[in-house]
Amino acid sequence: MSNKVEMIGKRFGRLIVIRESSQRLSGVIAWDCLCDCGKIKSIVGKSMRNGMTKSCGCLQAETISKLLTTHGMKGSETYNVWVSMIQRCTNPKNSRYKDYGGRNIAVCQKWLKFENFFKDMGTKPQGLTIERRNNNLGYFKENCSWNTYLVQAKNQRIRKDNSTGITGVGWNKRLKKYRVRITANQKKYHIGVFDNLEDAKIARSDAELKYWGRDYVRK
């Protein structure tokens, strides 16, 4: 028996569900929704049912335009993190939108107000950045923490075009070899190419030890 919740015809905020989407988002059934603004967007049902998503993104964009005002912290590192977080989740023109708003990663309604974000997260510690513990969920208190770029790199999701299932290890069709890469301190390093997957996995583990340190090595 299917556990699929029927959604067609239901309204969630500005959204009306018009059909089941032909695509899956992170392996989950998605629904094509018509927003009151006229845009059609594919959205996961749970995100609408729990109130996390109420529009195609236009509601957040309208709210943000009213919130970007001076309140004593504008220009601070904490404020800039907040602005960047919202922009990549709501602004299709943002260079990182496709990896955030484009895959339905949203900022919770509470955090659309900077004061609430600051109350939950506090001042951004020097050298740290905001991280989502579960990369398939959005930005809200229980899913976020201040952490190093190294931890973020270790926890980054596997690319959709990755055929090996191992972060940083991919198949190069032209060379017919496995290519190994790693990101550390916001820089990408090419480790090398290998004939078999096992050698590539070992090279990736060695690179994690070299660039991330013993505390960050995959267990």
N, C-alpha and C. Protein backbone atom coordinates (compact mmCIF):
# COMPACT_ATOMS: atom_id res chain seq x y z
N MET A 1 0.85 -1.19 0.00
CA MET A 1 0.00 0.00 0.00
C MET A 1 0.88 1.24 0.00
N SER A 2 0.55 2.21 -0.84
CA SER A 2 1.37 3.42 -0.94
C SER A 2 1.11 4.35 0.24
N ASN A 3 2.18 4.97 0.72
CA ASN A 3 2.07 5.94 1.82
C ASN A 3 2.04 7.37 1.29
N LYS A 4 1.92 7.50 -0.03
CA LYS A 4 1.93 8.83 -0.63
C LYS A 4 0.70 9.63 -0.20
N VAL A 5 0.93 10.86 0.25
CA VAL A 5 -0.16 11.74 0.67
C VAL A 5 -0.66 12.48 -0.56
N GLU A 6 -1.97 12.38 -0.84
CA GLU A 6 -2.53 13.06 -2.01
C GLU A 6 -2.51 14.56 -1.78
N MET A 7 -1.96 15.31 -2.73
CA MET A 7 -1.74 16.74 -2.55
C MET A 7 -2.47 17.61 -3.57
N ILE A 8 -2.85 17.03 -4.71
CA ILE A 8 -3.39 17.82 -5.81
C ILE A 8 -4.63 18.61 -5.38
N GLY A 9 -4.61 19.90 -5.69
CA GLY A 9 -5.74 20.77 -5.39
C GLY A 9 -5.64 21.47 -4.05
N LYS A 10 -4.70 21.07 -3.20
CA LYS A 10 -4.58 21.67 -1.88
C LYS A 10 -3.79 22.98 -1.95
N ARG A 11 -4.13 23.89 -1.05
CA ARG A 11 -3.44 25.18 -0.98
C ARG A 11 -2.58 25.24 0.27
N PHE A 12 -1.36 25.77 0.10
CA PHE A 12 -0.43 25.98 1.20
C PHE A 12 0.14 27.40 1.04
N GLY A 13 -0.38 28.34 1.82
CA GLY A 13 0.05 29.72 1.68
C GLY A 13 -0.30 30.27 0.32
N ARG A 14 0.69 30.62 -0.46
CA ARG A 14 0.46 31.14 -1.81
C ARG A 14 0.47 30.04 -2.87
N LEU A 15 0.66 28.80 -2.45
CA LEU A 15 0.84 27.69 -3.40
C LEU A 15 -0.41 26.84 -3.54
N ILE A 16 -0.71 26.43 -4.79
CA ILE A 16 -1.74 25.44 -5.07
C ILE A 16 -1.06 24.29 -5.80
N VAL A 17 -1.24 23.08 -5.28
CA VAL A 17 -0.63 21.90 -5.89
C VAL A 17 -1.43 21.52 -7.14
N ILE A 18 -0.77 21.43 -8.29
CA ILE A 18 -1.48 21.15 -9.53
C ILE A 18 -1.23 19.74 -10.08
N ARG A 19 -0.10 19.14 -9.72
CA ARG A 19 0.19 17.78 -10.21
C ARG A 19 1.44 17.24 -9.52
N GLU A 20 1.60 15.93 -9.62
CA GLU A 20 2.83 15.31 -9.13
C GLU A 20 3.95 15.62 -10.12
N SER A 21 5.09 16.01 -9.60
CA SER A 21 6.21 16.38 -10.46
C SER A 21 6.86 15.13 -11.06
N SER A 22 7.44 15.30 -12.24
CA SER A 22 8.15 14.20 -12.88
C SER A 22 9.53 14.00 -12.27
N GLN A 23 9.99 14.97 -11.48
CA GLN A 23 11.32 14.87 -10.87
C GLN A 23 11.21 14.51 -9.40
N ARG A 24 12.30 14.03 -8.84
CA ARG A 24 12.41 13.75 -7.42
C ARG A 24 13.44 14.69 -6.82
N LEU A 25 13.19 15.18 -5.63
CA LEU A 25 14.13 16.07 -4.94
C LEU A 25 14.74 15.32 -3.78
N SER A 26 16.05 15.05 -3.87
CA SER A 26 16.75 14.24 -2.87
C SER A 26 16.06 12.89 -2.68
N GLY A 27 15.55 12.33 -3.80
CA GLY A 27 14.93 11.01 -3.75
C GLY A 27 13.50 10.99 -3.25
N VAL A 28 12.91 12.17 -3.00
CA VAL A 28 11.56 12.26 -2.43
C VAL A 28 10.59 12.78 -3.49
N ILE A 29 9.34 12.30 -3.45
CA ILE A 29 8.31 12.77 -4.37
C ILE A 29 8.14 14.27 -4.24
N ALA A 30 8.07 14.96 -5.37
CA ALA A 30 7.84 16.40 -5.39
C ALA A 30 6.54 16.69 -6.12
N TRP A 31 6.02 17.90 -5.90
CA TRP A 31 4.75 18.31 -6.51
C TRP A 31 4.94 19.64 -7.23
N ASP A 32 4.37 19.73 -8.44
CA ASP A 32 4.39 21.00 -9.16
C ASP A 32 3.30 21.89 -8.59
N CYS A 33 3.73 23.09 -8.16
CA CYS A 33 2.82 24.01 -7.49
C CYS A 33 2.74 25.34 -8.24
N LEU A 34 1.53 25.86 -8.36
CA LEU A 34 1.32 27.17 -8.96
C LEU A 34 1.27 28.20 -7.84
N CYS A 35 2.19 29.15 -7.89
CA CYS A 35 2.23 30.21 -6.88
C CYS A 35 1.30 31.34 -7.31
N ASP A 36 0.82 32.10 -6.35
CA ASP A 36 -0.06 33.23 -6.64
C ASP A 36 0.61 34.26 -7.55
N CYS A 37 1.96 34.25 -7.56
CA CYS A 37 2.68 35.20 -8.42
C CYS A 37 2.72 34.72 -9.87
N GLY A 38 2.27 33.48 -10.13
CA GLY A 38 2.23 32.95 -11.49
C GLY A 38 3.32 31.95 -11.81
N LYS A 39 4.30 31.78 -10.92
CA LYS A 39 5.40 30.86 -11.17
C LYS A 39 5.04 29.44 -10.74
N ILE A 40 5.50 28.44 -11.51
CA ILE A 40 5.31 27.04 -11.16
C ILE A 40 6.64 26.49 -10.66
N LYS A 41 6.61 25.82 -9.52
CA LYS A 41 7.84 25.29 -8.93
C LYS A 41 7.57 23.93 -8.32
N SER A 42 8.55 23.01 -8.43
CA SER A 42 8.45 21.69 -7.82
C SER A 42 8.90 21.76 -6.37
N ILE A 43 8.07 21.25 -5.47
CA ILE A 43 8.33 21.36 -4.03
C ILE A 43 7.97 20.04 -3.35
N VAL A 44 8.76 19.65 -2.35
CA VAL A 44 8.48 18.44 -1.56
C VAL A 44 7.25 18.68 -0.69
N GLY A 45 6.36 17.70 -0.66
CA GLY A 45 5.11 17.85 0.07
C GLY A 45 5.28 18.15 1.54
N LYS A 46 6.21 17.46 2.20
CA LYS A 46 6.41 17.66 3.63
C LYS A 46 6.78 19.10 3.95
N SER A 47 7.56 19.72 3.05
CA SER A 47 7.99 21.10 3.26
C SER A 47 6.80 22.04 3.28
N MET A 48 5.77 21.73 2.50
CA MET A 48 4.56 22.56 2.51
C MET A 48 3.67 22.23 3.70
N ARG A 49 3.51 20.94 3.98
CA ARG A 49 2.61 20.53 5.07
C ARG A 49 3.08 21.02 6.43
N ASN A 50 4.41 21.09 6.63
CA ASN A 50 4.90 21.56 7.94
C ASN A 50 5.08 23.07 8.01
N GLY A 51 4.70 23.77 6.92
CA GLY A 51 4.72 25.23 6.94
C GLY A 51 6.05 25.86 6.59
N MET A 52 7.05 25.03 6.22
CA MET A 52 8.36 25.58 5.89
C MET A 52 8.34 26.33 4.56
N THR A 53 7.52 25.87 3.61
CA THR A 53 7.45 26.51 2.29
C THR A 53 6.02 26.97 2.03
N LYS A 54 5.87 28.27 1.78
CA LYS A 54 4.54 28.85 1.57
C LYS A 54 4.41 29.57 0.24
N SER A 55 5.50 29.62 -0.52
CA SER A 55 5.47 30.27 -1.82
C SER A 55 6.61 29.73 -2.67
N CYS A 56 6.72 30.22 -3.90
CA CYS A 56 7.82 29.79 -4.78
C CYS A 56 9.13 30.43 -4.37
N GLY A 57 9.07 31.33 -3.39
CA GLY A 57 10.24 32.11 -2.97
C GLY A 57 9.94 33.60 -2.97
N CYS A 58 8.83 33.96 -3.64
CA CYS A 58 8.49 35.38 -3.74
C CYS A 58 8.11 35.98 -2.39
N LEU A 59 7.48 35.17 -1.52
CA LEU A 59 7.10 35.69 -0.21
C LEU A 59 8.31 36.07 0.61
N GLN A 60 9.34 35.21 0.61
CA GLN A 60 10.56 35.52 1.32
C GLN A 60 11.25 36.74 0.73
N ALA A 61 11.27 36.81 -0.60
CA ALA A 61 11.93 37.94 -1.26
C ALA A 61 11.27 39.26 -0.88
N GLU A 62 9.93 39.26 -0.83
CA GLU A 62 9.21 40.48 -0.45
C GLU A 62 9.48 40.83 1.01
N THR A 63 9.53 39.80 1.85
CA THR A 63 9.77 40.04 3.27
C THR A 63 11.17 40.59 3.50
N ILE A 64 12.15 40.02 2.78
CA ILE A 64 13.54 40.44 2.95
C ILE A 64 13.73 41.89 2.54
N SER A 65 13.05 42.31 1.49
CA SER A 65 13.21 43.69 1.03
C SER A 65 12.78 44.69 2.10
N LYS A 66 11.92 44.24 3.01
CA LYS A 66 11.45 45.11 4.09
C LYS A 66 12.33 45.01 5.34
N LEU A 67 13.15 43.92 5.37
CA LEU A 67 13.93 43.66 6.59
C LEU A 67 15.36 44.19 6.56
N LEU A 68 15.89 44.43 5.34
CA LEU A 68 17.28 44.86 5.24
C LEU A 68 17.43 46.32 5.66
N THR A 69 17.22 46.57 6.90
CA THR A 69 17.30 47.92 7.47
C THR A 69 18.35 47.96 8.56
N THR A 70 18.78 49.17 8.93
CA THR A 70 19.79 49.34 9.95
C THR A 70 19.21 49.08 11.34
N HIS A 71 19.91 48.28 12.14
CA HIS A 71 19.47 47.99 13.50
C HIS A 71 20.68 47.85 14.41
N GLY A 72 21.77 48.47 14.05
CA GLY A 72 22.95 48.46 14.91
C GLY A 72 23.98 47.42 14.54
N MET A 73 23.60 46.40 13.75
CA MET A 73 24.57 45.36 13.39
C MET A 73 24.78 45.24 11.88
N LYS A 74 24.14 46.11 11.13
CA LYS A 74 24.31 46.05 9.68
C LYS A 74 25.79 46.25 9.33
N GLY A 75 26.32 45.36 8.50
CA GLY A 75 27.73 45.42 8.14
C GLY A 75 28.62 44.53 8.98
N SER A 76 28.08 44.01 10.09
CA SER A 76 28.86 43.11 10.93
C SER A 76 28.97 41.74 10.25
N GLU A 77 29.93 40.90 10.69
CA GLU A 77 30.09 39.58 10.10
C GLU A 77 28.84 38.73 10.30
N THR A 78 28.22 38.85 11.47
CA THR A 78 27.01 38.07 11.75
C THR A 78 25.88 38.47 10.82
N TYR A 79 25.73 39.77 10.63
CA TYR A 79 24.68 40.28 9.75
C TYR A 79 24.93 39.85 8.31
N ASN A 80 26.19 39.89 7.88
CA ASN A 80 26.53 39.51 6.51
C ASN A 80 26.26 38.03 6.26
N VAL A 81 26.51 37.19 7.28
CA VAL A 81 26.20 35.76 7.15
C VAL A 81 24.70 35.58 6.95
N TRP A 82 23.92 36.33 7.71
CA TRP A 82 22.46 36.25 7.62
C TRP A 82 21.97 36.67 6.23
N VAL A 83 22.49 37.78 5.73
CA VAL A 83 22.09 38.26 4.40
C VAL A 83 22.46 37.23 3.33
N SER A 84 23.68 36.69 3.39
CA SER A 84 24.13 35.71 2.40
C SER A 84 23.27 34.45 2.45
N MET A 85 22.92 34.01 3.65
CA MET A 85 22.08 32.83 3.82
C MET A 85 20.74 33.01 3.12
N ILE A 86 20.14 34.17 3.33
CA ILE A 86 18.83 34.44 2.75
C ILE A 86 18.93 34.62 1.24
N GLN A 87 19.96 35.29 0.78
CA GLN A 87 20.10 35.53 -0.65
C GLN A 87 20.24 34.22 -1.43
N ARG A 88 21.07 33.29 -0.94
CA ARG A 88 21.26 32.05 -1.71
C ARG A 88 20.04 31.14 -1.65
N CYS A 89 19.13 31.42 -0.70
CA CYS A 89 17.91 30.61 -0.61
C CYS A 89 16.72 31.24 -1.33
N THR A 90 16.77 32.55 -1.61
CA THR A 90 15.59 33.24 -2.16
C THR A 90 15.83 33.97 -3.46
N ASN A 91 17.07 34.27 -3.79
CA ASN A 91 17.35 35.10 -4.96
C ASN A 91 17.88 34.25 -6.13
N PRO A 92 17.06 34.00 -7.16
CA PRO A 92 17.50 33.18 -8.29
C PRO A 92 18.73 33.74 -9.00
N LYS A 93 19.03 35.01 -8.82
CA LYS A 93 20.19 35.61 -9.47
C LYS A 93 21.47 35.39 -8.67
N ASN A 94 21.34 34.89 -7.46
CA ASN A 94 22.51 34.61 -6.64
C ASN A 94 23.29 33.44 -7.23
N SER A 95 24.62 33.52 -7.23
CA SER A 95 25.45 32.51 -7.87
C SER A 95 25.31 31.13 -7.24
N ARG A 96 24.85 31.07 -5.98
CA ARG A 96 24.74 29.79 -5.28
C ARG A 96 23.28 29.33 -5.12
N TYR A 97 22.36 30.05 -5.76
CA TYR A 97 20.93 29.73 -5.60
C TYR A 97 20.61 28.30 -6.02
N LYS A 98 21.23 27.81 -7.10
CA LYS A 98 20.89 26.48 -7.61
C LYS A 98 21.15 25.38 -6.58
N ASP A 99 22.11 25.59 -5.69
CA ASP A 99 22.43 24.59 -4.67
C ASP A 99 21.64 24.78 -3.37
N TYR A 100 20.86 25.85 -3.30
CA TYR A 100 20.09 26.14 -2.09
C TYR A 100 18.61 26.32 -2.42
N GLY A 101 18.19 27.53 -2.75
CA GLY A 101 16.79 27.74 -3.11
C GLY A 101 16.36 26.87 -4.26
N GLY A 102 17.28 26.61 -5.19
CA GLY A 102 16.97 25.78 -6.35
C GLY A 102 16.66 24.34 -6.01
N ARG A 103 17.06 23.89 -4.83
CA ARG A 103 16.70 22.54 -4.40
C ARG A 103 15.90 22.57 -3.09
N ASN A 104 15.15 23.69 -2.95
CA ASN A 104 14.18 23.85 -1.86
C ASN A 104 14.80 23.92 -0.47
N ILE A 105 16.04 24.41 -0.38
CA ILE A 105 16.62 24.71 0.93
C ILE A 105 16.13 26.10 1.31
N ALA A 106 15.39 26.20 2.40
CA ALA A 106 14.74 27.46 2.78
C ALA A 106 15.20 27.93 4.16
N VAL A 107 15.00 29.21 4.41
CA VAL A 107 15.23 29.80 5.73
C VAL A 107 13.90 29.79 6.47
N CYS A 108 13.88 29.32 7.71
CA CYS A 108 12.63 29.25 8.45
C CYS A 108 12.03 30.65 8.61
N GLN A 109 10.73 30.71 8.75
CA GLN A 109 10.02 31.99 8.83
C GLN A 109 10.55 32.87 9.97
N LYS A 110 10.88 32.24 11.08
CA LYS A 110 11.37 32.99 12.24
C LYS A 110 12.65 33.74 11.92
N TRP A 111 13.54 33.11 11.16
CA TRP A 111 14.85 33.71 10.87
C TRP A 111 14.82 34.74 9.75
N LEU A 112 13.66 34.99 9.18
CA LEU A 112 13.57 36.06 8.20
C LEU A 112 13.72 37.42 8.87
N LYS A 113 13.65 37.43 10.19
CA LYS A 113 13.92 38.63 10.97
C LYS A 113 15.29 38.47 11.61
N PHE A 114 16.21 39.39 11.33
CA PHE A 114 17.58 39.26 11.80
C PHE A 114 17.66 39.11 13.32
N GLU A 115 16.86 39.87 14.04
CA GLU A 115 16.91 39.82 15.50
C GLU A 115 16.68 38.40 16.03
N ASN A 116 15.78 37.64 15.38
CA ASN A 116 15.51 36.27 15.82
C ASN A 116 16.68 35.34 15.49
N PHE A 117 17.27 35.54 14.32
CA PHE A 117 18.46 34.77 13.95
C PHE A 117 19.58 35.02 14.96
N PHE A 118 19.79 36.28 15.30
CA PHE A 118 20.86 36.65 16.24
C PHE A 118 20.59 36.08 17.64
N LYS A 119 19.33 36.08 18.05
CA LYS A 119 18.97 35.54 19.37
C LYS A 119 19.28 34.05 19.44
N ASP A 120 19.03 33.33 18.36
CA ASP A 120 19.25 31.88 18.35
C ASP A 120 20.71 31.50 18.15
N MET A 121 21.44 32.25 17.31
CA MET A 121 22.79 31.85 16.92
C MET A 121 23.89 32.66 17.60
N GLY A 122 23.56 33.88 18.07
CA GLY A 122 24.58 34.71 18.71
C GLY A 122 25.55 35.29 17.70
N THR A 123 26.60 35.91 18.20
CA THR A 123 27.61 36.53 17.35
C THR A 123 28.45 35.47 16.64
N LYS A 124 28.71 35.69 15.37
CA LYS A 124 29.53 34.75 14.59
C LYS A 124 30.94 34.70 15.17
N PRO A 125 31.41 33.53 15.61
CA PRO A 125 32.78 33.40 16.11
C PRO A 125 33.79 33.62 14.99
N GLN A 126 34.93 34.18 15.33
CA GLN A 126 35.97 34.44 14.32
C GLN A 126 36.42 33.15 13.65
N GLY A 127 36.44 33.15 12.33
CA GLY A 127 36.93 31.99 11.59
C GLY A 127 35.92 30.88 11.36
N LEU A 128 34.70 31.04 11.89
CA LEU A 128 33.68 30.01 11.72
C LEU A 128 32.60 30.49 10.75
N THR A 129 31.81 29.56 10.29
CA THR A 129 30.71 29.88 9.37
C THR A 129 29.50 29.05 9.76
N ILE A 130 28.34 29.43 9.23
CA ILE A 130 27.13 28.70 9.60
C ILE A 130 27.04 27.41 8.81
N GLU A 131 26.69 26.33 9.50
CA GLU A 131 26.61 25.02 8.86
C GLU A 131 25.29 24.37 9.19
N ARG A 132 24.71 23.67 8.20
CA ARG A 132 23.52 22.86 8.44
C ARG A 132 23.95 21.43 8.75
N ARG A 133 23.49 20.89 9.85
CA ARG A 133 23.88 19.54 10.24
C ARG A 133 23.39 18.52 9.21
N ASN A 134 22.16 18.71 8.75
CA ASN A 134 21.60 17.86 7.69
C ASN A 134 21.50 18.71 6.44
N ASN A 135 22.31 18.39 5.42
CA ASN A 135 22.38 19.21 4.22
C ASN A 135 21.13 19.15 3.35
N ASN A 136 20.21 18.24 3.66
CA ASN A 136 18.97 18.16 2.90
C ASN A 136 17.85 18.98 3.54
N LEU A 137 18.13 19.57 4.69
CA LEU A 137 17.14 20.40 5.38
C LEU A 137 17.58 21.86 5.33
N GLY A 138 16.67 22.75 5.67
CA GLY A 138 16.93 24.18 5.57
C GLY A 138 17.61 24.77 6.79
N TYR A 139 17.50 26.09 6.88
CA TYR A 139 18.13 26.84 7.96
C TYR A 139 17.12 27.09 9.08
N PHE A 140 17.35 26.46 10.22
CA PHE A 140 16.57 26.70 11.44
C PHE A 140 17.43 26.29 12.62
N LYS A 141 17.07 26.72 13.80
CA LYS A 141 17.95 26.62 14.98
C LYS A 141 18.47 25.20 15.21
N GLU A 142 17.58 24.22 15.18
CA GLU A 142 17.98 22.85 15.52
C GLU A 142 18.90 22.23 14.47
N ASN A 143 18.94 22.80 13.28
CA ASN A 143 19.75 22.21 12.21
C ASN A 143 21.03 22.99 11.93
N CYS A 144 21.29 24.05 12.70
CA CYS A 144 22.43 24.92 12.38
C CYS A 144 23.39 25.09 13.55
N SER A 145 24.64 25.32 13.21
CA SER A 145 25.66 25.60 14.21
C SER A 145 26.77 26.41 13.55
N TRP A 146 27.61 27.04 14.38
CA TRP A 146 28.80 27.72 13.86
C TRP A 146 29.91 26.68 13.80
N ASN A 147 30.56 26.55 12.65
CA ASN A 147 31.60 25.53 12.54
C ASN A 147 32.68 25.98 11.57
N THR A 148 33.76 25.21 11.52
CA THR A 148 34.88 25.56 10.64
C THR A 148 34.56 25.17 9.20
N TYR A 149 35.29 25.76 8.26
CA TYR A 149 35.14 25.41 6.86
C TYR A 149 35.56 23.96 6.62
N LEU A 150 36.47 23.45 7.45
CA LEU A 150 36.90 22.07 7.32
C LEU A 150 35.76 21.11 7.59
N VAL A 151 35.00 21.37 8.67
CA VAL A 151 33.87 20.52 9.00
C VAL A 151 32.81 20.61 7.91
N GLN A 152 32.60 21.82 7.39
CA GLN A 152 31.63 21.97 6.30
C GLN A 152 32.05 21.14 5.09
N ALA A 153 33.33 21.20 4.77
CA ALA A 153 33.83 20.45 3.61
C ALA A 153 33.63 18.96 3.83
N LYS A 154 33.88 18.48 5.04
CA LYS A 154 33.72 17.07 5.35
C LYS A 154 32.26 16.62 5.23
N ASN A 155 31.35 17.52 5.59
CA ASN A 155 29.94 17.16 5.60
C ASN A 155 29.20 17.50 4.32
N GLN A 156 29.92 18.02 3.30
CA GLN A 156 29.25 18.44 2.08
C GLN A 156 28.60 17.24 1.40
N ARG A 157 27.45 17.50 0.77
CA ARG A 157 26.69 16.44 0.12
C ARG A 157 27.44 15.94 -1.12
N ILE A 158 27.18 14.70 -1.48
CA ILE A 158 27.78 14.12 -2.67
C ILE A 158 27.09 14.70 -3.90
N ARG A 159 27.87 15.11 -4.89
CA ARG A 159 27.33 15.69 -6.12
C ARG A 159 26.41 14.69 -6.82
N LYS A 160 25.39 15.24 -7.50
CA LYS A 160 24.44 14.39 -8.21
C LYS A 160 25.10 13.57 -9.31
N ASP A 161 26.17 14.15 -9.91
CA ASP A 161 26.83 13.44 -11.00
C ASP A 161 27.95 12.52 -10.52
N ASN A 162 28.05 12.34 -9.20
CA ASN A 162 29.06 11.45 -8.64
C ASN A 162 28.57 10.01 -8.73
N SER A 163 29.29 9.18 -9.49
CA SER A 163 28.87 7.79 -9.70
C SER A 163 29.50 6.82 -8.72
N THR A 164 30.43 7.30 -7.88
CA THR A 164 31.13 6.40 -6.96
C THR A 164 30.49 6.34 -5.59
N GLY A 165 29.71 7.38 -5.23
CA GLY A 165 29.12 7.43 -3.90
C GLY A 165 30.09 7.88 -2.83
N ILE A 166 31.28 8.34 -3.24
CA ILE A 166 32.30 8.78 -2.29
C ILE A 166 32.62 10.24 -2.56
N THR A 167 32.48 11.09 -1.55
CA THR A 167 32.76 12.51 -1.71
C THR A 167 34.20 12.71 -2.17
N GLY A 168 34.37 13.51 -3.23
CA GLY A 168 35.71 13.83 -3.71
C GLY A 168 36.32 12.83 -4.66
N VAL A 169 35.60 11.74 -4.93
CA VAL A 169 36.10 10.72 -5.86
C VAL A 169 35.10 10.58 -7.01
N GLY A 170 35.54 10.88 -8.23
CA GLY A 170 34.66 10.78 -9.39
C GLY A 170 35.33 10.07 -10.54
N TRP A 171 34.50 9.65 -11.51
CA TRP A 171 35.00 8.93 -12.68
C TRP A 171 35.22 9.91 -13.82
N ASN A 172 36.42 9.92 -14.39
CA ASN A 172 36.74 10.78 -15.52
C ASN A 172 36.61 9.95 -16.80
N LYS A 173 35.56 10.27 -17.60
CA LYS A 173 35.28 9.48 -18.79
C LYS A 173 36.40 9.59 -19.82
N ARG A 174 36.98 10.77 -19.95
CA ARG A 174 38.02 10.97 -20.97
C ARG A 174 39.26 10.16 -20.64
N LEU A 175 39.68 10.20 -19.37
CA LEU A 175 40.89 9.47 -18.96
C LEU A 175 40.62 8.01 -18.63
N LYS A 176 39.32 7.71 -18.40
CA LYS A 176 38.93 6.37 -17.95
C LYS A 176 39.65 6.00 -16.65
N LYS A 177 39.67 6.96 -15.76
CA LYS A 177 40.29 6.78 -14.45
C LYS A 177 39.45 7.48 -13.38
N TYR A 178 39.72 7.13 -12.11
CA TYR A 178 39.06 7.79 -10.99
C TYR A 178 39.86 9.03 -10.59
N ARG A 179 39.20 10.16 -10.49
CA ARG A 179 39.88 11.40 -10.12
C ARG A 179 39.55 11.76 -8.68
N VAL A 180 40.55 12.17 -7.93
CA VAL A 180 40.39 12.49 -6.51
C VAL A 180 40.68 13.96 -6.27
N ARG A 181 39.75 14.63 -5.57
CA ARG A 181 39.92 16.04 -5.22
C ARG A 181 39.48 16.26 -3.77
N ILE A 182 39.90 17.38 -3.21
CA ILE A 182 39.49 17.72 -1.84
C ILE A 182 39.47 19.24 -1.70
N THR A 183 38.60 19.73 -0.83
CA THR A 183 38.51 21.16 -0.55
C THR A 183 38.95 21.41 0.89
N ALA A 184 39.84 22.36 1.08
CA ALA A 184 40.31 22.74 2.41
C ALA A 184 40.60 24.23 2.42
N ASN A 185 40.17 24.89 3.49
CA ASN A 185 40.37 26.34 3.61
C ASN A 185 39.87 27.09 2.37
N GLN A 186 38.72 26.63 1.87
CA GLN A 186 38.04 27.24 0.73
C GLN A 186 38.85 27.15 -0.57
N LYS A 187 39.80 26.22 -0.62
CA LYS A 187 40.58 25.99 -1.84
C LYS A 187 40.40 24.54 -2.28
N LYS A 188 40.36 24.32 -3.61
CA LYS A 188 40.22 22.98 -4.14
C LYS A 188 41.58 22.43 -4.56
N TYR A 189 41.86 21.19 -4.18
CA TYR A 189 43.14 20.55 -4.50
C TYR A 189 42.89 19.29 -5.33
N HIS A 190 43.65 19.16 -6.42
CA HIS A 190 43.60 17.95 -7.25
C HIS A 190 44.62 16.96 -6.69
N ILE A 191 44.16 15.81 -6.26
CA ILE A 191 45.04 14.82 -5.63
C ILE A 191 45.68 13.90 -6.67
N GLY A 192 44.92 13.52 -7.68
CA GLY A 192 45.47 12.66 -8.71
C GLY A 192 44.41 11.79 -9.36
N VAL A 193 44.83 10.95 -10.32
CA VAL A 193 43.92 10.01 -10.98
C VAL A 193 44.42 8.59 -10.75
N PHE A 194 43.46 7.64 -10.69
CA PHE A 194 43.81 6.27 -10.31
C PHE A 194 43.04 5.27 -11.17
N ASP A 195 43.66 4.12 -11.39
CA ASP A 195 43.07 3.10 -12.26
C ASP A 195 41.89 2.39 -11.60
N ASN A 196 41.94 2.23 -10.27
CA ASN A 196 40.84 1.51 -9.61
C ASN A 196 40.30 2.31 -8.43
N LEU A 197 39.07 1.98 -8.06
CA LEU A 197 38.35 2.73 -7.03
C LEU A 197 39.01 2.60 -5.66
N GLU A 198 39.54 1.43 -5.35
CA GLU A 198 40.14 1.22 -4.03
C GLU A 198 41.34 2.15 -3.83
N ASP A 199 42.19 2.28 -4.85
CA ASP A 199 43.34 3.18 -4.74
C ASP A 199 42.87 4.63 -4.60
N ALA A 200 41.78 4.97 -5.29
CA ALA A 200 41.24 6.33 -5.21
C ALA A 200 40.71 6.61 -3.81
N LYS A 201 40.04 5.62 -3.21
CA LYS A 201 39.52 5.77 -1.85
C LYS A 201 40.66 5.98 -0.85
N ILE A 202 41.72 5.24 -1.01
CA ILE A 202 42.87 5.38 -0.11
C ILE A 202 43.50 6.76 -0.27
N ALA A 203 43.62 7.21 -1.51
CA ALA A 203 44.20 8.53 -1.77
C ALA A 203 43.34 9.63 -1.16
N ARG A 204 42.02 9.47 -1.23
CA ARG A 204 41.11 10.45 -0.63
C ARG A 204 41.27 10.47 0.89
N SER A 205 41.37 9.31 1.51
CA SER A 205 41.56 9.23 2.97
C SER A 205 42.88 9.87 3.38
N ASP A 206 43.93 9.61 2.62
CA ASP A 206 45.23 10.22 2.91
C ASP A 206 45.15 11.74 2.80
N ALA A 207 44.40 12.21 1.80
CA ALA A 207 44.25 13.65 1.60
C ALA A 207 43.47 14.29 2.76
N GLU A 208 42.46 13.58 3.27
CA GLU A 208 41.70 14.08 4.40
C GLU A 208 42.60 14.24 5.62
N LEU A 209 43.47 13.26 5.82
CA LEU A 209 44.40 13.32 6.94
C LEU A 209 45.36 14.49 6.76
N LYS A 210 45.85 14.69 5.55
CA LYS A 210 46.82 15.76 5.27
C LYS A 210 46.20 17.14 5.39
N TYR A 211 45.03 17.33 4.78
CA TYR A 211 44.45 18.67 4.70
C TYR A 211 43.48 19.00 5.83
N TRP A 212 42.83 17.98 6.39
CA TRP A 212 41.86 18.24 7.45
C TRP A 212 42.38 17.91 8.84
N GLY A 213 43.37 17.06 8.93
CA GLY A 213 43.90 16.67 10.23
C GLY A 213 43.25 15.42 10.76
N ARG A 214 43.88 14.79 11.73
CA ARG A 214 43.42 13.50 12.24
C ARG A 214 42.01 13.55 12.81
N ASP A 215 41.60 14.65 13.42
CA ASP A 215 40.27 14.75 14.04
C ASP A 215 39.15 14.75 13.01
N TYR A 216 39.47 15.00 11.75
CA TYR A 216 38.43 15.13 10.74
C TYR A 216 38.36 13.95 9.79
N VAL A 217 39.25 12.98 9.97
CA VAL A 217 39.30 11.87 9.03
C VAL A 217 38.03 11.04 9.14
N ARG A 218 37.53 10.62 7.96
CA ARG A 218 36.31 9.81 7.89
C ARG A 218 36.46 8.54 8.72
N LYS A 219 35.43 8.27 9.51
CA LYS A 219 35.48 7.08 10.36
C LYS A 219 34.88 5.90 9.60
